[in-house]
Amino acid sequence: MKYLCLVYLDAENWSACPDRQCFDFAAGLAADGRLIAAEPLHPIDKAATVRVRGGQTSISDGPFAETRELLAGFYLIDAADREEALALAARIPPARYGSIEVRPVRELAP
């Protein structure tokens, strides 16, 4: 089953985890056949939020929610079950500096 592991960090810890650690972790998951995709994100000053209401599109700078921790990246993994996904998420290097949200991916119904 696919799980999306969303990496959240506050501004103070945005660059606390070296890229090499994240790269090596992703390479290990790939070698085990459990990595589908993983990417870091640019800081929120590069983000925009798009909303469509009543046929009108509005675009605002920044993330959707005002929070202390911000979405920093993701790992899309293949795990046998929730327990395995949580165990893998606990090994994601930025977990030491922020938090990892783990959510199962659902298939769209036709």
Protein backbone atom coordinates (compact mmCIF):
# COMPACT_ATOMS: atom_id res chain seq x y z
CA MET A 1 0.00 0.00 0.00
CA LYS A 2 1.20 3.51 -0.75
CA TYR A 3 1.79 5.99 2.09
CA LEU A 4 2.68 9.65 1.81
CA CYS A 5 5.10 10.83 4.47
CA LEU A 6 4.92 14.61 4.68
CA VAL A 7 7.94 16.29 6.25
CA TYR A 8 7.17 19.37 8.37
CA LEU A 9 9.83 21.70 9.75
CA ASP A 10 9.75 25.09 11.40
CA ALA A 11 11.72 27.94 9.85
CA GLU A 12 14.56 27.59 12.35
CA ASN A 13 15.18 23.96 11.36
CA TRP A 14 14.49 24.23 7.62
CA SER A 15 18.10 23.39 6.70
CA ALA A 16 19.09 21.55 9.89
CA CYS A 17 19.14 18.14 8.24
CA PRO A 18 21.84 17.81 5.56
CA ASP A 19 20.62 16.89 2.08
CA ARG A 20 23.09 13.97 2.02
CA GLN A 21 21.28 12.27 4.95
CA CYS A 22 17.93 12.55 3.17
CA PHE A 23 19.45 11.38 -0.12
CA ASP A 24 21.07 8.36 1.54
CA PHE A 25 17.84 7.44 3.33
CA ALA A 26 15.89 7.64 0.06
CA ALA A 27 18.55 5.57 -1.70
CA GLY A 28 18.17 2.88 0.95
CA LEU A 29 14.40 2.82 0.50
CA ALA A 30 14.88 2.63 -3.28
CA ALA A 31 17.30 -0.29 -2.92
CA ASP A 32 14.66 -2.11 -0.84
CA GLY A 33 12.01 -1.40 -3.48
CA ARG A 34 9.94 0.71 -1.07
CA LEU A 35 10.54 4.22 -2.48
CA ILE A 36 8.12 5.54 -5.08
CA ALA A 37 9.20 9.20 -4.94
CA ALA A 38 10.88 11.67 -2.58
CA GLU A 39 11.53 15.38 -3.04
CA PRO A 40 12.38 18.36 -0.87
CA LEU A 41 10.42 21.58 -1.33
CA HIS A 42 11.63 25.15 -1.59
CA PRO A 43 10.82 27.44 1.38
CA ILE A 44 7.37 29.02 1.60
CA ASP A 45 8.47 32.27 -0.01
CA LYS A 46 8.29 30.34 -3.31
CA ALA A 47 4.79 28.92 -2.61
CA ALA A 48 1.42 30.06 -3.89
CA THR A 49 -2.11 28.94 -3.04
CA VAL A 50 -4.81 28.68 -5.73
CA ARG A 51 -8.52 28.71 -4.89
CA VAL A 52 -11.52 28.61 -7.23
CA ARG A 53 -14.83 29.83 -5.78
CA GLY A 54 -17.90 30.55 -7.85
CA GLY A 55 -15.89 30.24 -11.04
CA GLN A 56 -13.38 32.88 -9.88
CA THR A 57 -9.75 31.99 -9.40
CA SER A 58 -7.71 33.66 -6.69
CA ILE A 59 -3.99 33.22 -6.16
CA SER A 60 -2.22 34.23 -2.98
CA ASP A 61 1.43 34.01 -2.04
CA GLY A 62 2.48 31.51 0.58
CA PRO A 63 1.06 28.32 2.04
CA PHE A 64 -2.60 27.60 2.70
CA ALA A 65 -2.40 27.47 6.49
CA GLU A 66 -0.73 29.68 9.06
CA THR A 67 1.26 27.22 11.14
CA ARG A 68 4.57 27.05 12.95
CA GLU A 69 5.72 23.97 11.03
CA LEU A 70 5.72 24.15 7.24
CA LEU A 71 5.67 21.45 4.58
CA ALA A 72 9.31 20.86 3.67
CA GLY A 73 9.15 17.75 1.49
CA PHE A 74 7.73 14.28 1.10
CA TYR A 75 8.47 10.61 0.70
CA LEU A 76 5.97 8.44 -1.16
CA ILE A 77 6.61 4.91 0.01
CA ASP A 78 5.25 1.42 -0.48
CA ALA A 79 4.69 -0.33 2.85
CA ALA A 80 2.94 -3.54 3.79
CA ASP A 81 0.74 -1.82 6.36
CA ARG A 82 0.37 1.21 8.63
CA GLU A 83 2.82 -0.14 11.19
CA GLU A 84 5.58 -0.55 8.62
CA ALA A 85 4.85 2.92 7.19
CA LEU A 86 5.12 4.45 10.68
CA ALA A 87 8.37 2.58 11.37
CA LEU A 88 9.85 3.86 8.10
CA ALA A 89 8.64 7.41 8.81
CA ALA A 90 10.42 7.33 12.17
CA ARG A 91 13.69 6.75 10.27
CA ILE A 92 13.26 9.77 7.95
CA PRO A 93 16.18 12.03 8.94
CA PRO A 94 14.23 15.33 9.33
CA ALA A 95 12.00 13.64 11.94
CA ARG A 96 14.72 14.65 14.42
CA TYR A 97 14.03 18.33 13.70
CA GLY A 98 10.30 18.47 12.90
CA SER A 99 7.49 15.99 12.32
CA ILE A 100 6.40 13.46 9.73
CA GLU A 101 2.72 13.10 8.87
CA VAL A 102 1.91 9.64 7.50
CA ARG A 103 -1.20 9.24 5.36
CA PRO A 104 -2.36 6.31 3.27
CA VAL A 105 -2.90 7.10 -0.41
CA ARG A 106 -6.32 6.19 -1.74
CA GLU A 107 -7.25 5.31 -5.28
CA LEU A 108 -9.68 7.62 -7.07
CA ALA A 109 -13.01 6.01 -7.72
CA PRO A 110 -14.02 6.12 -11.41
